[in-house]
Amino acid sequence: MPTGRLKFFDAGKGYGFIVPDAGGPDIYLSARAVEQSKLPTLKSGDRLHFELRVTGPKRTAVSLTKAASLEEVVADFEEEWGLKPSE
C-alpha cells in the first residue's frame, strides 16, 4: 500500500493533495474519501497509507489510514525489545 505526506486538506473546499513517498505527481484527496475512511482530523504533514485509484490521467487516493511516524515505530520497537535507555 503506498504511503505519502498530506500536502494540505481544505474541508471547506472538499479536497486536498498527498505527496507520494515514491515520488511522482501529487495525488488528489477528496473529502468523501476522508469521510469514508473515518479519519477524525487531518493536518498538513500527516503520513498516510492509501490505495491509489487511477482513472485516465486522474490519480486519486482512497481507503486512507494514518501511518505511524518514524518516531512512533522506533519507540514501539524499543519497548518491544527492551531497548529503552535507562533514565
C-alpha atoms as a PDB file:
ATOM      1  CA  MET A   1       0.000   0.000   0.000  1.00  0.00           C
ATOM      2  CA  PRO A   2       1.505   3.358  -0.997  1.00  0.00           C
ATOM      3  CA  THR A   3       2.338   6.000   1.586  1.00  0.00           C
ATOM      4  CA  GLY A   4       2.731   9.749   1.440  1.00  0.00           C
ATOM      5  CA  ARG A   5       2.506  13.014   3.360  1.00  0.00           C
ATOM      6  CA  LEU A   6      -0.539  15.227   3.338  1.00  0.00           C
ATOM      7  CA  LYS A   7       0.382  18.398   1.472  1.00  0.00           C
ATOM      8  CA  PHE A   8      -2.876  20.098   2.507  1.00  0.00           C
ATOM      9  CA  PHE A   9      -6.551  19.362   3.006  1.00  0.00           C
ATOM     10  CA  ASP A  10      -9.269  22.031   2.958  1.00  0.00           C
ATOM     11  CA  ALA A  11     -12.508  20.614   4.384  1.00  0.00           C
ATOM     12  CA  GLY A  12     -14.382  23.739   3.278  1.00  0.00           C
ATOM     13  CA  LYS A  13     -13.371  23.213  -0.342  1.00  0.00           C
ATOM     14  CA  GLY A  14     -13.667  19.444  -0.026  1.00  0.00           C
ATOM     15  CA  TYR A  15     -10.271  18.377  -1.298  1.00  0.00           C
ATOM     16  CA  GLY A  16      -6.542  18.229  -0.752  1.00  0.00           C
ATOM     17  CA  PHE A  17      -3.400  16.561  -2.057  1.00  0.00           C
ATOM     18  CA  ILE A  18      -0.944  13.891  -0.926  1.00  0.00           C
ATOM     19  CA  VAL A  19       2.743  13.944  -1.890  1.00  0.00           C
ATOM     20  CA  PRO A  20       3.625  10.269  -2.519  1.00  0.00           C
ATOM     21  CA  ASP A  21       6.767   8.908  -0.839  1.00  0.00           C
ATOM     22  CA  ALA A  22       7.647   7.092  -4.072  1.00  0.00           C
ATOM     23  CA  GLY A  23       7.747  10.377  -5.983  1.00  0.00           C
ATOM     24  CA  GLY A  24       5.674  11.452  -8.925  1.00  0.00           C
ATOM     25  CA  PRO A  25       2.773  13.876  -9.181  1.00  0.00           C
ATOM     26  CA  ASP A  26       0.650  14.819  -6.180  1.00  0.00           C
ATOM     27  CA  ILE A  27      -2.408  12.645  -5.574  1.00  0.00           C
ATOM     28  CA  TYR A  28      -5.887  14.142  -5.272  1.00  0.00           C
ATOM     29  CA  LEU A  29      -7.722  13.553  -1.987  1.00  0.00           C
ATOM     30  CA  SER A  30     -11.477  14.133  -1.774  1.00  0.00           C
ATOM     31  CA  ALA A  31     -13.492  14.909   1.349  1.00  0.00           C
ATOM     32  CA  ARG A  32     -15.587  11.833   0.525  1.00  0.00           C
ATOM     33  CA  ALA A  33     -12.501   9.573   0.723  1.00  0.00           C
ATOM     34  CA  VAL A  34     -11.607  11.122   4.102  1.00  0.00           C
ATOM     35  CA  GLU A  35     -15.177  10.619   5.403  1.00  0.00           C
ATOM     36  CA  GLN A  36     -15.331   7.021   4.155  1.00  0.00           C
ATOM     37  CA  SER A  37     -12.008   6.275   5.849  1.00  0.00           C
ATOM     38  CA  LYS A  38     -13.389   7.668   9.127  1.00  0.00           C
ATOM     39  CA  LEU A  39     -10.333   9.791   9.847  1.00  0.00           C
ATOM     40  CA  PRO A  40     -11.336  12.317  12.509  1.00  0.00           C
ATOM     41  CA  THR A  41      -8.791  15.013  11.673  1.00  0.00           C
ATOM     42  CA  LEU A  42      -6.049  15.620   9.153  1.00  0.00           C
ATOM     43  CA  LYS A  43      -3.278  18.170   9.193  1.00  0.00           C
ATOM     44  CA  SER A  44      -0.519  19.030   6.753  1.00  0.00           C
ATOM     45  CA  GLY A  45       2.429  16.678   7.135  1.00  0.00           C
ATOM     46  CA  ASP A  46       0.377  13.692   8.343  1.00  0.00           C
ATOM     47  CA  ARG A  47       1.701  10.405   6.968  1.00  0.00           C
ATOM     48  CA  LEU A  48      -0.966   8.321   5.249  1.00  0.00           C
ATOM     49  CA  HIS A  49      -1.338   4.875   3.723  1.00  0.00           C
ATOM     50  CA  PHE A  50      -3.762   4.832   0.800  1.00  0.00           C
ATOM     51  CA  GLU A  51      -4.934   2.880  -2.195  1.00  0.00           C
ATOM     52  CA  LEU A  52      -4.306   4.590  -5.500  1.00  0.00           C
ATOM     53  CA  ARG A  53      -7.190   4.761  -7.968  1.00  0.00           C
ATOM     54  CA  VAL A  54      -6.210   5.798 -11.496  1.00  0.00           C
ATOM     55  CA  THR A  55      -8.963   6.892 -13.884  1.00  0.00           C
ATOM     56  CA  GLY A  56      -7.484   8.195 -17.108  1.00  0.00           C
ATOM     57  CA  PRO A  57      -4.988  10.897 -16.136  1.00  0.00           C
ATOM     58  CA  LYS A  58      -6.541  11.404 -12.676  1.00  0.00           C
ATOM     59  CA  ARG A  59      -4.783   9.862  -9.634  1.00  0.00           C
ATOM     60  CA  THR A  60      -6.997   9.682  -6.538  1.00  0.00           C
ATOM     61  CA  ALA A  61      -6.333   8.392  -3.016  1.00  0.00           C
ATOM     62  CA  VAL A  62      -8.949   6.107  -1.423  1.00  0.00           C
ATOM     63  CA  SER A  63      -9.068   3.776   1.632  1.00  0.00           C
ATOM     64  CA  LEU A  64      -6.899   6.025   3.807  1.00  0.00           C
ATOM     65  CA  THR A  65      -5.278   5.111   7.114  1.00  0.00           C
ATOM     66  CA  LYS A  66      -2.830   7.133   9.160  1.00  0.00           C
ATOM     67  CA  ALA A  67       0.717   5.803   9.002  1.00  0.00           C
ATOM     68  CA  ALA A  68       2.882   5.737  12.092  1.00  0.00           C
ATOM     69  CA  SER A  69       5.686   8.271  12.210  1.00  0.00           C
ATOM     70  CA  LEU A  70       9.270   7.050  12.344  1.00  0.00           C
ATOM     71  CA  GLU A  71       9.444   8.137  15.989  1.00  0.00           C
ATOM     72  CA  GLU A  72       6.378   6.014  16.839  1.00  0.00           C
ATOM     73  CA  VAL A  73       7.821   2.976  15.055  1.00  0.00           C
ATOM     74  CA  VAL A  74      11.181   3.332  16.840  1.00  0.00           C
ATOM     75  CA  ALA A  75       9.500   3.793  20.253  1.00  0.00           C
ATOM     76  CA  ASP A  76       7.354   0.682  19.725  1.00  0.00           C
ATOM     77  CA  PHE A  77      10.412  -1.326  18.631  1.00  0.00           C
ATOM     78  CA  GLU A  78      12.479  -0.189  21.610  1.00  0.00           C
ATOM     79  CA  GLU A  79       9.649  -1.008  24.014  1.00  0.00           C
ATOM     80  CA  GLU A  80       9.034  -4.437  22.485  1.00  0.00           C
ATOM     81  CA  TRP A  81      12.720  -5.382  22.624  1.00  0.00           C
ATOM     82  CA  GLY A  82      13.515  -3.750  25.954  1.00  0.00           C
ATOM     83  CA  LEU A  83      15.861  -1.224  24.410  1.00  0.00           C
ATOM     84  CA  LYS A  84      14.633   1.866  26.232  1.00  0.00           C
ATOM     85  CA  PRO A  85      17.586   3.860  27.537  1.00  0.00           C
ATOM     86  CA  SER A  86      17.837   3.963  31.304  1.00  0.00           C
ATOM     87  CA  GLU A  87      16.981   7.278  32.918  1.00  0.00           C
END
